[in-house]
Amino acid sequence: MQNVMRSLFKTNKVFIGVVHLPPLPGSPRWGGDMDRVLAQAEEEAGILDKGGAHGIIVENFGDAPFRIGRVDPVTVAAMTLALDRVRRVTALPLGVNMLRNDALSALAVAAATSADFIRVNVHYGVMAADEGLVEGEAHVTLRRRRELGVDVKILADVLVKHAVPLGPADLGLTARETVFRGLADGLIVSGPVTGLPAEASDVATVRQAVPDGFILVGSGVDEANAKKLLSLADGAIVGTSLKHDGLVTNRLDPERVKGMAEIIRNMG
C-alpha cells in the first residue's frame, strides 16, 4: 500500500495542501458569485503547486453546517467546476472531500475531473457527530468505483475529527478493519477538530496496527510539530497552518506553504 501511494505522489513524505472553498451554491452563506469561488480555487491551487506541495485536496469547507448523506446536485456541479479549474493550473495529484461524508458524490466528481483520490471521513463503521450519525458506506463506494472503472484512491479517516464513536473503540483495531475489511487505500489520523493536531501516540498506534499501511496525519500539522508527527506517518494533509496568521478562515500564505514544504522535503 505504501509503495502504491508513494508512487502516486512521487515522494516518501507526502505534503497534501488543502483548498478550502468558500460557500457554494445552495449553502446558507452562498454569496452568489461562482466566478469568485473558481478564481480563489485557482489562486490557492497555484500557491500550493508553486510552494512545493505534492498533492492538493479540494473540499466544500464553506458549506457549513453540513448535512449527513448525499449533498445537493448543485453542490456536485459546483465542486466539479472547482476541480476542473484547479486541474487547469496544476499537474499535481488531486483529491476531493465532500463534506460531510458523501463518498459517492466525491467519487463522481473525481471520475469526471480525472482526480486521483477522495477523502472519506467515515468509510467503515459508524460515528456520532453534531450533524447526526455518520455511517460508512464502504460496500457502496467500492462497488461504484469498480462500475466506473476508475483508479481513484480512497483515503479514509480513522475515528474522524468532529465526531466520536458510539461506544468504546480500539483505534488500532478500527484502523485494521478499515484497511482489511473496508479496503481503504490509505488511512488518516486527526485530532479532535480542525486545526488541532493528532496525538503522536495515536499515529503510532495506527502504524503498529497497519505497519505496511499508507498513513497521513489529517489535522493540526504545523512547523512546530511536523517533524515529530511525520516521523510516524507517510505524510500530512495540511490546511489551517498554511493560512495567514494560522486562521482557517484566512487565505493561503505562500511563505507558510513554502516553509511546510521545506520541512517535509528535508524529511523525505
Protein backbone atom coordinates (compact mmCIF):
# COMPACT_ATOMS: atom_id res chain seq x y z
CA MET A 1 0.00 0.00 0.00
CA GLN A 2 2.79 2.42 0.86
CA ASN A 3 4.58 1.89 -2.44
CA VAL A 4 1.41 2.36 -4.49
CA MET A 5 0.51 5.63 -2.77
CA ARG A 6 4.06 6.95 -2.74
CA SER A 7 4.29 6.30 -6.47
CA LEU A 8 1.20 8.48 -6.94
CA PHE A 9 2.78 11.40 -5.05
CA LYS A 10 6.37 10.59 -6.13
CA THR A 11 7.89 11.12 -2.70
CA ASN A 12 8.50 9.27 0.57
CA LYS A 13 6.97 12.03 2.72
CA VAL A 14 3.77 13.45 1.27
CA PHE A 15 2.55 17.04 1.66
CA ILE A 16 -1.06 17.48 0.56
CA GLY A 17 -2.33 21.04 0.74
CA VAL A 18 -6.00 21.90 1.19
CA VAL A 19 -8.09 24.27 -0.90
CA HIS A 20 -10.97 25.27 1.40
CA LEU A 21 -13.66 26.50 -0.96
CA PRO A 22 -15.89 29.41 0.07
CA PRO A 23 -19.63 28.70 0.39
CA LEU A 24 -21.05 27.04 -2.71
CA PRO A 25 -24.50 27.47 -4.31
CA GLY A 26 -27.24 26.11 -2.09
CA SER A 27 -25.33 26.54 1.18
CA PRO A 28 -26.51 29.02 3.85
CA ARG A 29 -23.71 31.56 3.23
CA TRP A 30 -23.59 31.33 -0.56
CA GLY A 31 -22.53 34.73 -1.88
CA GLY A 32 -23.95 34.44 -5.38
CA ASP A 33 -20.67 34.71 -7.31
CA MET A 34 -19.34 31.44 -8.71
CA ASP A 35 -16.61 33.23 -10.64
CA ARG A 36 -15.14 34.39 -7.31
CA VAL A 37 -15.20 30.84 -5.95
CA LEU A 38 -13.40 29.49 -9.02
CA ALA A 39 -10.86 32.31 -9.01
CA GLN A 40 -10.00 31.56 -5.37
CA ALA A 41 -9.70 27.84 -6.08
CA GLU A 42 -7.33 28.56 -8.98
CA GLU A 43 -5.25 31.03 -6.98
CA GLU A 44 -4.80 28.77 -3.97
CA ALA A 45 -4.05 25.70 -6.08
CA GLY A 46 -1.36 27.74 -7.81
CA ILE A 47 0.13 28.75 -4.46
CA LEU A 48 0.27 25.12 -3.33
CA ASP A 49 1.76 23.94 -6.60
CA LYS A 50 4.46 26.61 -6.70
CA GLY A 51 5.07 26.34 -2.96
CA GLY A 52 6.11 22.68 -3.10
CA ALA A 53 3.05 20.61 -2.22
CA HIS A 54 2.93 17.05 -3.57
CA GLY A 55 -0.84 16.97 -3.91
CA ILE A 56 -3.95 19.11 -3.45
CA ILE A 57 -7.33 18.25 -1.97
CA VAL A 58 -10.39 20.43 -2.58
CA GLU A 59 -13.28 20.48 -0.13
CA ASN A 60 -16.57 22.32 0.29
CA PHE A 61 -15.42 23.71 3.63
CA GLY A 62 -17.60 26.83 3.41
CA ASP A 63 -20.84 24.86 3.18
CA ALA A 64 -21.28 24.52 6.97
CA PRO A 65 -23.48 23.47 8.62
CA PHE A 66 -23.03 20.20 6.80
CA ARG A 67 -25.60 17.53 6.10
CA ILE A 68 -25.34 13.78 6.53
CA GLY A 69 -25.78 11.76 3.36
CA ARG A 70 -25.94 12.96 -0.21
CA VAL A 71 -25.24 16.60 -0.93
CA ASP A 72 -27.46 18.57 -3.31
CA PRO A 73 -26.85 18.18 -7.06
CA VAL A 74 -25.87 21.86 -7.21
CA THR A 75 -23.02 21.13 -4.78
CA VAL A 76 -21.77 18.33 -7.00
CA ALA A 77 -21.93 20.66 -10.01
CA ALA A 78 -20.03 23.43 -8.21
CA MET A 79 -17.36 21.06 -6.93
CA THR A 80 -16.89 19.67 -10.42
CA LEU A 81 -16.32 23.18 -11.77
CA ALA A 82 -13.84 23.88 -8.97
CA LEU A 83 -11.84 20.68 -9.59
CA ASP A 84 -11.81 21.36 -13.30
CA ARG A 85 -10.44 24.87 -12.68
CA VAL A 86 -7.78 23.53 -10.31
CA ARG A 87 -6.74 20.87 -12.81
CA ARG A 88 -6.06 23.58 -15.39
CA VAL A 89 -3.32 25.12 -13.24
CA THR A 90 -1.59 22.07 -11.78
CA ALA A 91 -0.50 18.57 -12.73
CA LEU A 92 -0.26 17.50 -9.07
CA PRO A 93 -2.42 14.62 -7.83
CA LEU A 94 -5.86 15.98 -6.93
CA GLY A 95 -8.33 14.89 -4.30
CA VAL A 96 -11.95 15.57 -3.36
CA ASN A 97 -13.52 15.76 0.09
CA MET A 98 -17.29 16.13 0.00
CA LEU A 99 -18.44 17.20 3.46
CA ARG A 100 -19.93 15.62 5.29
CA ASN A 101 -19.13 12.10 4.16
CA ASP A 102 -20.69 11.92 0.70
CA ALA A 103 -18.21 9.46 -0.78
CA LEU A 104 -20.34 8.67 -3.84
CA SER A 105 -20.55 12.32 -4.89
CA ALA A 106 -16.83 12.78 -4.25
CA LEU A 107 -16.14 9.74 -6.38
CA ALA A 108 -18.37 11.09 -9.15
CA VAL A 109 -16.56 14.43 -9.15
CA ALA A 110 -13.20 12.65 -9.16
CA ALA A 111 -14.24 10.46 -12.10
CA ALA A 112 -15.49 13.45 -14.10
CA THR A 113 -12.37 15.55 -13.49
CA SER A 114 -9.68 12.84 -13.56
CA ALA A 115 -8.88 13.44 -9.89
CA ASP A 116 -6.74 10.86 -8.14
CA PHE A 117 -8.17 10.33 -4.67
CA ILE A 118 -11.02 11.09 -2.30
CA ARG A 119 -11.08 11.62 1.44
CA VAL A 120 -13.88 9.80 3.26
CA ASN A 121 -14.50 10.83 6.86
CA VAL A 122 -16.31 7.61 7.81
CA HIS A 123 -15.58 4.89 5.27
CA TYR A 124 -16.10 1.87 7.51
CA GLY A 125 -18.06 1.88 10.77
CA VAL A 126 -20.33 4.44 12.46
CA MET A 127 -19.54 7.70 14.25
CA ALA A 128 -21.70 10.21 16.11
CA ALA A 129 -21.30 13.83 15.02
CA ASP A 130 -23.13 17.09 15.67
CA GLU A 131 -24.95 16.56 12.38
CA GLY A 132 -26.14 13.06 13.40
CA LEU A 133 -24.93 9.52 12.88
CA VAL A 134 -22.32 9.21 10.15
CA GLU A 135 -22.37 5.72 8.67
CA GLY A 136 -19.68 4.28 6.46
CA GLU A 137 -20.65 3.01 3.02
CA ALA A 138 -17.54 1.13 2.01
CA HIS A 139 -19.60 -1.56 0.29
CA VAL A 140 -21.36 1.05 -1.88
CA THR A 141 -18.31 3.21 -2.61
CA LEU A 142 -16.09 0.32 -3.69
CA ARG A 143 -18.73 -1.15 -5.96
CA ARG A 144 -19.37 2.21 -7.58
CA ARG A 145 -15.65 2.71 -8.14
CA ARG A 146 -15.49 -0.64 -9.89
CA GLU A 147 -18.53 0.21 -12.03
CA LEU A 148 -16.96 3.50 -13.10
CA GLY A 149 -13.70 1.78 -13.96
CA VAL A 150 -11.57 4.48 -12.32
CA ASP A 151 -8.47 4.12 -10.18
CA VAL A 152 -9.46 6.74 -7.61
CA LYS A 153 -7.76 6.03 -4.29
CA ILE A 154 -9.75 6.11 -1.04
CA LEU A 155 -8.10 7.84 1.92
CA ALA A 156 -10.22 7.05 4.97
CA ASP A 157 -10.21 8.73 8.36
CA VAL A 158 -9.87 6.55 11.43
CA LEU A 159 -12.16 7.79 14.23
CA VAL A 160 -12.58 11.07 12.37
CA LYS A 161 -12.39 14.56 13.92
CA HIS A 162 -15.59 16.41 14.86
CA ALA A 163 -17.13 13.07 15.84
CA VAL A 164 -16.96 10.35 18.49
CA PRO A 165 -17.52 6.60 18.40
CA LEU A 166 -20.83 5.30 19.73
CA GLY A 167 -19.07 3.29 22.42
CA PRO A 168 -15.60 2.19 23.48
CA ALA A 169 -13.38 1.96 20.39
CA ASP A 170 -9.97 0.43 19.78
CA LEU A 171 -8.04 2.75 17.45
CA GLY A 172 -5.70 0.06 16.21
CA LEU A 173 -8.50 -2.42 15.54
CA THR A 174 -10.52 0.27 13.75
CA ALA A 175 -7.51 1.02 11.56
CA ARG A 176 -7.06 -2.64 10.67
CA GLU A 177 -10.75 -3.10 9.90
CA THR A 178 -10.81 0.00 7.71
CA VAL A 179 -7.97 -1.40 5.61
CA PHE A 180 -8.63 -5.13 5.58
CA ARG A 181 -12.45 -5.14 5.54
CA GLY A 182 -13.15 -1.63 4.22
CA LEU A 183 -10.34 -1.92 1.64
CA ALA A 184 -9.22 1.69 2.08
CA ASP A 185 -6.08 2.63 0.16
CA GLY A 186 -4.78 4.85 2.95
CA LEU A 187 -5.61 5.99 6.47
CA ILE A 188 -5.89 9.45 8.01
CA VAL A 189 -5.34 10.15 11.71
CA SER A 190 -6.56 13.51 13.00
CA GLY A 191 -7.05 15.49 16.19
CA PRO A 192 -10.47 16.18 17.73
CA VAL A 193 -11.33 19.16 15.49
CA THR A 194 -9.98 21.09 12.50
CA GLY A 195 -6.69 22.78 13.34
CA LEU A 196 -5.84 20.65 16.37
CA PRO A 197 -3.08 18.06 15.91
CA ALA A 198 -3.36 14.34 16.24
CA GLU A 199 -1.68 12.77 19.23
CA ALA A 200 1.65 11.23 18.31
CA SER A 201 0.63 8.17 20.31
CA ASP A 202 -2.46 7.75 18.09
CA VAL A 203 -0.37 7.88 14.94
CA ALA A 204 2.00 5.31 16.46
CA THR A 205 -0.92 3.04 17.35
CA VAL A 206 -2.23 3.10 13.79
CA ARG A 207 1.27 2.47 12.43
CA GLN A 208 1.67 -0.52 14.71
CA ALA A 209 -1.72 -1.89 13.70
CA VAL A 210 -1.09 -1.47 9.97
CA PRO A 211 2.71 -1.46 9.58
CA ASP A 212 2.60 -1.52 5.78
CA GLY A 213 -0.27 0.96 5.52
CA PHE A 214 -0.17 4.41 3.97
CA ILE A 215 -0.84 6.77 6.89
CA LEU A 216 -1.39 10.52 6.81
CA VAL A 217 -1.87 12.99 9.64
CA GLY A 218 -5.07 14.85 8.81
CA SER A 219 -5.24 17.89 11.09
CA GLY A 220 -3.16 20.34 13.07
CA VAL A 221 0.23 19.79 11.42
CA ASP A 222 2.35 22.93 11.64
CA GLU A 223 6.04 23.85 11.53
CA ALA A 224 6.43 23.14 15.25
CA ASN A 225 5.11 19.58 15.28
CA ALA A 226 5.61 18.38 11.69
CA LYS A 227 8.87 16.54 12.29
CA LYS A 228 7.52 14.64 15.30
CA LEU A 229 4.24 13.62 13.70
CA LEU A 230 5.65 12.82 10.28
CA SER A 231 8.37 10.62 11.74
CA LEU A 232 5.48 8.21 12.41
CA ALA A 233 3.46 8.79 9.24
CA ASP A 234 3.90 8.86 5.48
CA GLY A 235 2.79 12.47 5.21
CA ALA A 236 0.14 15.01 6.09
CA ILE A 237 -2.90 16.84 4.82
CA VAL A 238 -2.29 20.45 5.83
CA GLY A 239 -4.77 23.31 5.75
CA THR A 240 -5.13 25.63 8.74
CA SER A 241 -1.44 26.25 9.47
CA LEU A 242 -0.86 27.32 5.86
CA LYS A 243 -3.26 30.26 6.16
CA HIS A 244 -2.30 33.82 7.06
CA ASP A 245 -1.92 34.01 10.87
CA GLY A 246 -2.80 30.31 11.06
CA LEU A 247 -6.53 31.03 10.90
CA VAL A 248 -8.60 28.59 8.85
CA THR A 249 -10.89 31.36 7.61
CA ASN A 250 -7.98 33.30 6.04
CA ARG A 251 -6.43 32.79 2.61
CA LEU A 252 -3.30 30.74 1.97
CA ASP A 253 0.03 32.31 2.88
CA PRO A 254 2.64 31.44 0.20
CA GLU A 255 5.50 31.71 2.71
CA ARG A 256 3.85 29.27 5.10
CA VAL A 257 3.32 26.83 2.24
CA LYS A 258 7.00 27.06 1.27
CA GLY A 259 8.06 26.62 4.90
CA MET A 260 6.00 23.46 5.34
CA ALA A 261 7.21 22.08 2.01
CA GLU A 262 10.83 22.57 3.06
CA ILE A 263 10.33 20.77 6.36
CA ILE A 264 8.67 17.79 4.70
CA ARG A 265 11.14 17.75 1.81
CA ASN A 266 14.04 17.55 4.26
CA MET A 267 12.38 14.60 5.99
CA GLY A 268 11.70 12.72 2.75
